[in-house]
Each structure stands twice: as structure tokens, then as C-alpha cells.
Amino acid sequence: MRHGRLFALHVAGYTAGRFWIEGLRVDPANEIPGLRLNQWTSVALFLGALAYVYLVRNKTSEESLGEERVPAEVK
């Protein structure tokens, strides 16, 4: 679960639950073709997270935060 896959799965799970919770709400909100704006946002993030997991599925290289910086010598 490297290269951000675990985080992407967390986002997908959270947005799926958020979509359901937003469907239970009864207060007035902006609706776009039958769904609340928050539900559309959840759908977009869910699809983006799944797309990310799919696109990096074969990535097996070592993770890196960039080049290692060597401190300058102290005189």
C-alpha cells in the first residue's frame, strides 16, 4: 500500500460514507439534478481516488521524498 494508495482508499471510503450521510439530511441545500452539491463533490472525489489507485497499481519502485541532503561540514 505504498505510493499514496492507502490514503486514496481512505478518501474513497470516507466519500462513500459522506455521500450516504448527505442523502439522509433534510435541510435545504443547493441541488443539481436531484443530488445535493455535497453528494456531487463526494462522487467526484470518490472517482478521483479510485482512478489514482488504478493508475499507480503497477508502481513498485522505492518511495522517495527527494534527494537526501547532506549537512555541510562544520569547521
PDB file of N, CA and C in Angstrom:
ATOM      1  N   MET A   1       0.824  -1.191   0.000  1.00  0.00           N
ATOM      2  CA  MET A   1       0.000   0.000   0.000  1.00  0.00           C
ATOM      3  C   MET A   1       0.865   1.251   0.000  1.00  0.00           C
ATOM      4  N   ARG A   2       1.823   1.289  -0.873  1.00  0.00           N
ATOM      5  CA  ARG A   2       2.702   2.456  -0.960  1.00  0.00           C
ATOM      6  C   ARG A   2       2.240   3.408  -2.049  1.00  0.00           C
ATOM      7  N   HIS A   3       2.971   4.472  -2.194  1.00  0.00           N
ATOM      8  CA  HIS A   3       2.745   5.489  -3.221  1.00  0.00           C
ATOM      9  C   HIS A   3       1.366   6.129  -3.092  1.00  0.00           C
ATOM     10  N   GLY A   4       0.886   6.306  -1.859  1.00  0.00           N
ATOM     11  CA  GLY A   4      -0.355   7.023  -1.627  1.00  0.00           C
ATOM     12  C   GLY A   4      -1.619   6.200  -1.794  1.00  0.00           C
ATOM     13  N   ARG A   5      -1.492   4.911  -2.048  1.00  0.00           N
ATOM     14  CA  ARG A   5      -2.682   4.075  -2.270  1.00  0.00           C
ATOM     15  C   ARG A   5      -3.550   3.967  -1.025  1.00  0.00           C
ATOM     16  N   LEU A   6      -2.941   3.837   0.141  1.00  0.00           N
ATOM     17  CA  LEU A   6      -3.723   3.714   1.371  1.00  0.00           C
ATOM     18  C   LEU A   6      -4.526   4.990   1.623  1.00  0.00           C
ATOM     19  N   PHE A   7      -3.903   6.136   1.413  1.00  0.00           N
ATOM     20  CA  PHE A   7      -4.618   7.400   1.580  1.00  0.00           C
ATOM     21  C   PHE A   7      -5.761   7.513   0.576  1.00  0.00           C
ATOM     22  N   ALA A   8      -5.523   7.108  -0.672  1.00  0.00           N
ATOM     23  CA  ALA A   8      -6.568   7.171  -1.691  1.00  0.00           C
ATOM     24  C   ALA A   8      -7.742   6.263  -1.320  1.00  0.00           C
ATOM     25  N   LEU A   9      -7.468   5.094  -0.765  1.00  0.00           N
ATOM     26  CA  LEU A   9      -8.546   4.205  -0.328  1.00  0.00           C
ATOM     27  C   LEU A   9      -9.302   4.807   0.853  1.00  0.00           C
ATOM     28  N   HIS A  10      -8.599   5.506   1.732  1.00  0.00           N
ATOM     29  CA  HIS A  10      -9.248   6.202   2.839  1.00  0.00           C
ATOM     30  C   HIS A  10     -10.197   7.279   2.300  1.00  0.00           C
ATOM     31  N   VAL A  11      -9.735   8.054   1.333  1.00  0.00           N
ATOM     32  CA  VAL A  11     -10.567   9.094   0.732  1.00  0.00           C
ATOM     33  C   VAL A  11     -11.797   8.473   0.076  1.00  0.00           C
ATOM     34  N   ALA A  12     -11.615   7.365  -0.643  1.00  0.00           N
ATOM     35  CA  ALA A  12     -12.738   6.702  -1.305  1.00  0.00           C
ATOM     36  C   ALA A  12     -13.762   6.223  -0.274  1.00  0.00           C
ATOM     37  N   GLY A  13     -13.306   5.620   0.805  1.00  0.00           N
ATOM     38  CA  GLY A  13     -14.221   5.145   1.845  1.00  0.00           C
ATOM     39  C   GLY A  13     -14.940   6.275   2.542  1.00  0.00           C
ATOM     40  N   TYR A  14     -14.211   7.331   2.846  1.00  0.00           N
ATOM     41  CA  TYR A  14     -14.820   8.483   3.520  1.00  0.00           C
ATOM     42  C   TYR A  14     -15.891   9.122   2.645  1.00  0.00           C
ATOM     43  N   THR A  15     -15.578   9.304   1.365  1.00  0.00           N
ATOM     44  CA  THR A  15     -16.546   9.963   0.488  1.00  0.00           C
ATOM     45  C   THR A  15     -17.766   9.090   0.233  1.00  0.00           C
ATOM     46  N   ALA A  16     -17.603   7.770   0.235  1.00  0.00           N
ATOM     47  CA  ALA A  16     -18.762   6.888   0.087  1.00  0.00           C
ATOM     48  C   ALA A  16     -19.693   7.059   1.288  1.00  0.00           C
ATOM     49  N   GLY A  17     -19.139   7.092   2.485  1.00  0.00           N
ATOM     50  CA  GLY A  17     -19.946   7.308   3.677  1.00  0.00           C
ATOM     51  C   GLY A  17     -20.552   8.694   3.702  1.00  0.00           C
ATOM     52  N   ARG A  18     -19.797   9.675   3.271  1.00  0.00           N
ATOM     53  CA  ARG A  18     -20.290  11.057   3.255  1.00  0.00           C
ATOM     54  C   ARG A  18     -21.454  11.211   2.277  1.00  0.00           C
ATOM     55  N   PHE A  19     -21.377  10.517   1.145  1.00  0.00           N
ATOM     56  CA  PHE A  19     -22.466  10.538   0.168  1.00  0.00           C
ATOM     57  C   PHE A  19     -23.750  10.029   0.817  1.00  0.00           C
ATOM     58  N   TRP A  20     -23.650   8.944   1.559  1.00  0.00           N
ATOM     59  CA  TRP A  20     -24.812   8.352   2.223  1.00  0.00           C
ATOM     60  C   TRP A  20     -25.375   9.307   3.284  1.00  0.00           C
ATOM     61  N   ILE A  21     -24.488   9.864   4.114  1.00  0.00           N
ATOM     62  CA  ILE A  21     -24.921  10.787   5.164  1.00  0.00           C
ATOM     63  C   ILE A  21     -25.614  12.012   4.569  1.00  0.00           C
ATOM     64  N   GLU A  22     -25.060  12.559   3.503  1.00  0.00           N
ATOM     65  CA  GLU A  22     -25.670  13.736   2.867  1.00  0.00           C
ATOM     66  C   GLU A  22     -27.049  13.403   2.321  1.00  0.00           C
ATOM     67  N   GLY A  23     -27.279  12.171   1.901  1.00  0.00           N
ATOM     68  CA  GLY A  23     -28.589  11.760   1.419  1.00  0.00           C
ATOM     69  C   GLY A  23     -29.636  11.710   2.525  1.00  0.00           C
ATOM     70  N   LEU A  24     -29.189  11.554   3.771  1.00  0.00           N
ATOM     71  CA  LEU A  24     -30.107  11.499   4.908  1.00  0.00           C
ATOM     72  C   LEU A  24     -30.541  12.884   5.381  1.00  0.00           C
ATOM     73  N   ARG A  25     -29.800  13.903   5.027  1.00  0.00           N
ATOM     74  CA  ARG A  25     -30.097  15.253   5.521  1.00  0.00           C
ATOM     75  C   ARG A  25     -31.390  15.778   4.907  1.00  0.00           C
ATOM     76  N   VAL A  26     -32.125  16.554   5.695  1.00  0.00           N
ATOM     77  CA  VAL A  26     -33.401  17.100   5.221  1.00  0.00           C
ATOM     78  C   VAL A  26     -33.400  18.619   5.138  1.00  0.00           C
ATOM     79  N   ASP A  27     -32.316  19.263   5.533  1.00  0.00           N
ATOM     80  CA  ASP A  27     -32.262  20.725   5.473  1.00  0.00           C
ATOM     81  C   ASP A  27     -32.128  21.183   4.014  1.00  0.00           C
ATOM     82  N   PRO A  28     -32.535  22.414   3.729  1.00  0.00           N
ATOM     83  CA  PRO A  28     -32.444  22.898   2.354  1.00  0.00           C
ATOM     84  C   PRO A  28     -30.981  23.070   1.930  1.00  0.00           C
ATOM     85  N   ALA A  29     -30.704  22.725   0.691  1.00  0.00           N
ATOM     86  CA  ALA A  29     -29.345  22.859   0.164  1.00  0.00           C
ATOM     87  C   ALA A  29     -29.417  23.015  -1.348  1.00  0.00           C
ATOM     88  N   ASN A  30     -28.319  23.429  -1.934  1.00  0.00           N
ATOM     89  CA  ASN A  30     -28.253  23.532  -3.386  1.00  0.00           C
ATOM     90  C   ASN A  30     -28.327  22.135  -3.980  1.00  0.00           C
ATOM     91  N   GLU A  31     -29.246  21.954  -4.909  1.00  0.00           N
ATOM     92  CA  GLU A  31     -29.364  20.662  -5.579  1.00  0.00           C
ATOM     93  C   GLU A  31     -29.100  20.833  -7.063  1.00  0.00           C
ATOM     94  N   ILE A  32     -28.378  19.880  -7.596  1.00  0.00           N
ATOM     95  CA  ILE A  32     -28.101  19.841  -9.028  1.00  0.00           C
ATOM     96  C   ILE A  32     -28.583  18.473  -9.491  1.00  0.00           C
ATOM     97  N   PRO A  33     -29.457  18.433 -10.521  1.00  0.00           N
ATOM     98  CA  PRO A  33     -30.189  17.251 -10.968  1.00  0.00           C
ATOM     99  C   PRO A  33     -30.413  16.165  -9.920  1.00  0.00           C
ATOM    100  N   GLY A  34     -31.131  16.519  -8.858  1.00  0.00           N
ATOM    101  CA  GLY A  34     -31.585  15.528  -7.895  1.00  0.00           C
ATOM    102  C   GLY A  34     -30.662  15.215  -6.734  1.00  0.00           C
ATOM    103  N   LEU A  35     -29.396  15.599  -6.822  1.00  0.00           N
ATOM    104  CA  LEU A  35     -28.449  15.336  -5.738  1.00  0.00           C
ATOM    105  C   LEU A  35     -27.946  16.654  -5.164  1.00  0.00           C
ATOM    106  N   ARG A  36     -27.631  16.613  -3.893  1.00  0.00           N
ATOM    107  CA  ARG A  36     -27.072  17.792  -3.231  1.00  0.00           C
ATOM    108  C   ARG A  36     -25.666  18.057  -3.767  1.00  0.00           C
ATOM    109  N   LEU A  37     -25.247  19.298  -3.692  1.00  0.00           N
ATOM    110  CA  LEU A  37     -23.910  19.667  -4.161  1.00  0.00           C
ATOM    111  C   LEU A  37     -22.838  18.862  -3.432  1.00  0.00           C
ATOM    112  N   ASN A  38     -23.029  18.618  -2.140  1.00  0.00           N
ATOM    113  CA  ASN A  38     -22.063  17.835  -1.369  1.00  0.00           C
ATOM    114  C   ASN A  38     -21.977  16.396  -1.866  1.00  0.00           C
ATOM    115  N   GLN A  39     -23.087  15.851  -2.353  1.00  0.00           N
ATOM    116  CA  GLN A  39     -23.056  14.496  -2.888  1.00  0.00           C
ATOM    117  C   GLN A  39     -22.287  14.450  -4.205  1.00  0.00           C
ATOM    118  N   TRP A  40     -22.463  15.467  -5.041  1.00  0.00           N
ATOM    119  CA  TRP A  40     -21.696  15.519  -6.285  1.00  0.00           C
ATOM    120  C   TRP A  40     -20.194  15.637  -6.004  1.00  0.00           C
ATOM    121  N   THR A  41     -19.867  16.411  -4.976  1.00  0.00           N
ATOM    122  CA  THR A  41     -18.458  16.537  -4.588  1.00  0.00           C
ATOM    123  C   THR A  41     -17.916  15.193  -4.127  1.00  0.00           C
ATOM    124  N   SER A  42     -18.698  14.462  -3.357  1.00  0.00           N
ATOM    125  CA  SER A  42     -18.276  13.141  -2.898  1.00  0.00           C
ATOM    126  C   SER A  42     -18.080  12.189  -4.064  1.00  0.00           C
ATOM    127  N   VAL A  43     -18.976  12.237  -5.043  1.00  0.00           N
ATOM    128  CA  VAL A  43     -18.847  11.375  -6.227  1.00  0.00           C
ATOM    129  C   VAL A  43     -17.549  11.693  -6.968  1.00  0.00           C
ATOM    130  N   ALA A  44     -17.259  12.981  -7.152  1.00  0.00           N
ATOM    131  CA  ALA A  44     -16.045  13.381  -7.871  1.00  0.00           C
ATOM    132  C   ALA A  44     -14.781  12.918  -7.137  1.00  0.00           C
ATOM    133  N   LEU A  45     -14.738  13.118  -5.824  1.00  0.00           N
ATOM    134  CA  LEU A  45     -13.564  12.692  -5.056  1.00  0.00           C
ATOM    135  C   LEU A  45     -13.433  11.177  -5.020  1.00  0.00           C
ATOM    136  N   PHE A  46     -14.548  10.466  -4.920  1.00  0.00           N
ATOM    137  CA  PHE A  46     -14.532   9.006  -4.925  1.00  0.00           C
ATOM    138  C   PHE A  46     -13.950   8.487  -6.239  1.00  0.00           C
ATOM    139  N   LEU A  47     -14.432   9.010  -7.361  1.00  0.00           N
ATOM    140  CA  LEU A  47     -13.922   8.580  -8.661  1.00  0.00           C
ATOM    141  C   LEU A  47     -12.451   8.952  -8.839  1.00  0.00           C
ATOM    142  N   GLY A  48     -12.064  10.130  -8.340  1.00  0.00           N
ATOM    143  CA  GLY A  48     -10.658  10.530  -8.420  1.00  0.00           C
ATOM    144  C   GLY A  48      -9.757   9.615  -7.614  1.00  0.00           C
ATOM    145  N   ALA A  49     -10.198   9.227  -6.427  1.00  0.00           N
ATOM    146  CA  ALA A  49      -9.401   8.327  -5.583  1.00  0.00           C
ATOM    147  C   ALA A  49      -9.270   6.958  -6.231  1.00  0.00           C
ATOM    148  N   LEU A  50     -10.362   6.437  -6.779  1.00  0.00           N
ATOM    149  CA  LEU A  50     -10.295   5.139  -7.456  1.00  0.00           C
ATOM    150  C   LEU A  50      -9.413   5.201  -8.696  1.00  0.00           C
ATOM    151  N   ALA A  51      -9.492   6.297  -9.429  1.00  0.00           N
ATOM    152  CA  ALA A  51      -8.639   6.464 -10.611  1.00  0.00           C
ATOM    153  C   ALA A  51      -7.170   6.481 -10.208  1.00  0.00           C
ATOM    154  N   TYR A  52      -6.848   7.158  -9.106  1.00  0.00           N
ATOM    155  CA  TYR A  52      -5.457   7.205  -8.639  1.00  0.00           C
ATOM    156  C   TYR A  52      -4.960   5.806  -8.276  1.00  0.00           C
ATOM    157  N   VAL A  53      -5.769   5.053  -7.537  1.00  0.00           N
ATOM    158  CA  VAL A  53      -5.375   3.690  -7.158  1.00  0.00           C
ATOM    159  C   VAL A  53      -5.149   2.853  -8.411  1.00  0.00           C
ATOM    160  N   TYR A  54      -6.009   2.997  -9.404  1.00  0.00           N
ATOM    161  CA  TYR A  54      -5.875   2.236 -10.644  1.00  0.00           C
ATOM    162  C   TYR A  54      -4.617   2.644 -11.411  1.00  0.00           C
ATOM    163  N   LEU A  55      -4.335   3.926 -11.482  1.00  0.00           N
ATOM    164  CA  LEU A  55      -3.201   4.405 -12.265  1.00  0.00           C
ATOM    165  C   LEU A  55      -1.849   4.034 -11.655  1.00  0.00           C
ATOM    166  N   VAL A  56      -1.768   3.891 -10.343  1.00  0.00           N
ATOM    167  CA  VAL A  56      -0.492   3.542  -9.711  1.00  0.00           C
ATOM    168  C   VAL A  56      -0.442   2.073  -9.299  1.00  0.00           C
ATOM    169  N   ARG A  57      -1.322   1.259  -9.836  1.00  0.00           N
ATOM    170  CA  ARG A  57      -1.416  -0.149  -9.423  1.00  0.00           C
ATOM    171  C   ARG A  57      -0.146  -0.938  -9.686  1.00  0.00           C
ATOM    172  N   ASN A  58       0.612  -0.615 -10.719  1.00  0.00           N
ATOM    173  CA  ASN A  58       1.819  -1.369 -11.058  1.00  0.00           C
ATOM    174  C   ASN A  58       3.102  -0.701 -10.588  1.00  0.00           C
ATOM    175  N   LYS A  59       2.981   0.369  -9.856  1.00  0.00           N
ATOM    176  CA  LYS A  59       4.166   1.104  -9.399  1.00  0.00           C
ATOM    177  C   LYS A  59       4.809   0.349  -8.244  1.00  0.00           C
ATOM    178  N   THR A  60       6.031  -0.103  -8.444  1.00  0.00           N
ATOM    179  CA  THR A  60       6.717  -0.886  -7.417  1.00  0.00           C
ATOM    180  C   THR A  60       8.044  -0.273  -7.019  1.00  0.00           C
ATOM    181  N   SER A  61       8.390   0.866  -7.580  1.00  0.00           N
ATOM    182  CA  SER A  61       9.677   1.482  -7.265  1.00  0.00           C
ATOM    183  C   SER A  61       9.720   1.929  -5.807  1.00  0.00           C
ATOM    184  N   GLU A  62      10.918   2.153  -5.343  1.00  0.00           N
ATOM    185  CA  GLU A  62      11.110   2.619  -3.964  1.00  0.00           C
ATOM    186  C   GLU A  62      10.585   4.037  -3.827  1.00  0.00           C
ATOM    187  N   GLU A  63       9.902   4.307  -2.725  1.00  0.00           N
ATOM    188  CA  GLU A  63       9.399   5.658  -2.475  1.00  0.00           C
ATOM    189  C   GLU A  63      10.533   6.560  -2.024  1.00  0.00           C
ATOM    190  N   SER A  64      10.442   7.826  -2.403  1.00  0.00           N
ATOM    191  CA  SER A  64      11.463   8.783  -2.027  1.00  0.00           C
ATOM    192  C   SER A  64      10.818  10.129  -1.759  1.00  0.00           C
ATOM    193  N   LEU A  65      11.348  10.846  -0.801  1.00  0.00           N
ATOM    194  CA  LEU A  65      10.886  12.197  -0.522  1.00  0.00           C
ATOM    195  C   LEU A  65      11.760  13.229  -1.206  1.00  0.00           C
ATOM    196  N   GLY A  66      12.594  12.781  -2.087  1.00  0.00           N
ATOM    197  CA  GLY A  66      13.508  13.674  -2.787  1.00  0.00           C
ATOM    198  C   GLY A  66      14.946  13.246  -2.500  1.00  0.00           C
ATOM    199  N   GLU A  67      15.875  14.032  -2.980  1.00  0.00           N
ATOM    200  CA  GLU A  67      17.275  13.713  -2.752  1.00  0.00           C
ATOM    201  C   GLU A  67      17.630  13.924  -1.292  1.00  0.00           C
ATOM    202  N   GLU A  68      18.457  13.042  -0.787  1.00  0.00           N
ATOM    203  CA  GLU A  68      18.897  13.178   0.596  1.00  0.00           C
ATOM    204  C   GLU A  68      19.887  14.330   0.673  1.00  0.00           C
ATOM    205  N   ARG A  69      19.677  15.201   1.617  1.00  0.00           N
ATOM    206  CA  ARG A  69      20.561  16.355   1.771  1.00  0.00           C
ATOM    207  C   ARG A  69      21.592  16.047   2.832  1.00  0.00           C
ATOM    208  N   VAL A  70      22.824  16.280   2.472  1.00  0.00           N
ATOM    209  CA  VAL A  70      23.931  16.049   3.383  1.00  0.00           C
ATOM    210  C   VAL A  70      24.282  17.380   4.023  1.00  0.00           C
ATOM    211  N   PRO A  71      24.302  17.423   5.363  1.00  0.00           N
ATOM    212  CA  PRO A  71      24.633  18.716   6.002  1.00  0.00           C
ATOM    213  C   PRO A  71      26.059  19.149   5.691  1.00  0.00           C
ATOM    214  N   ALA A  72      26.238  20.445   5.615  1.00  0.00           N
ATOM    215  CA  ALA A  72      27.569  20.987   5.353  1.00  0.00           C
ATOM    216  C   ALA A  72      28.498  20.697   6.526  1.00  0.00           C
ATOM    217  N   GLU A  73      29.772  20.551   6.218  1.00  0.00           N
ATOM    218  CA  GLU A  73      30.744  20.269   7.263  1.00  0.00           C
ATOM    219  C   GLU A  73      30.896  21.476   8.189  1.00  0.00           C
ATOM    220  N   VAL A  74      31.011  21.213   9.447  1.00  0.00           N
ATOM    221  CA  VAL A  74      31.210  22.274  10.438  1.00  0.00           C
ATOM    222  C   VAL A  74      32.702  22.468  10.599  1.00  0.00           C
ATOM    223  N   LYS A  75      33.182  23.709  10.513  1.00  0.00           N
ATOM    224  CA  LYS A  75      34.618  23.973  10.629  1.00  0.00           C
ATOM    225  C   LYS A  75      35.007  24.314  12.022  1.00  0.00           C
TER     226      LYS A  75
END
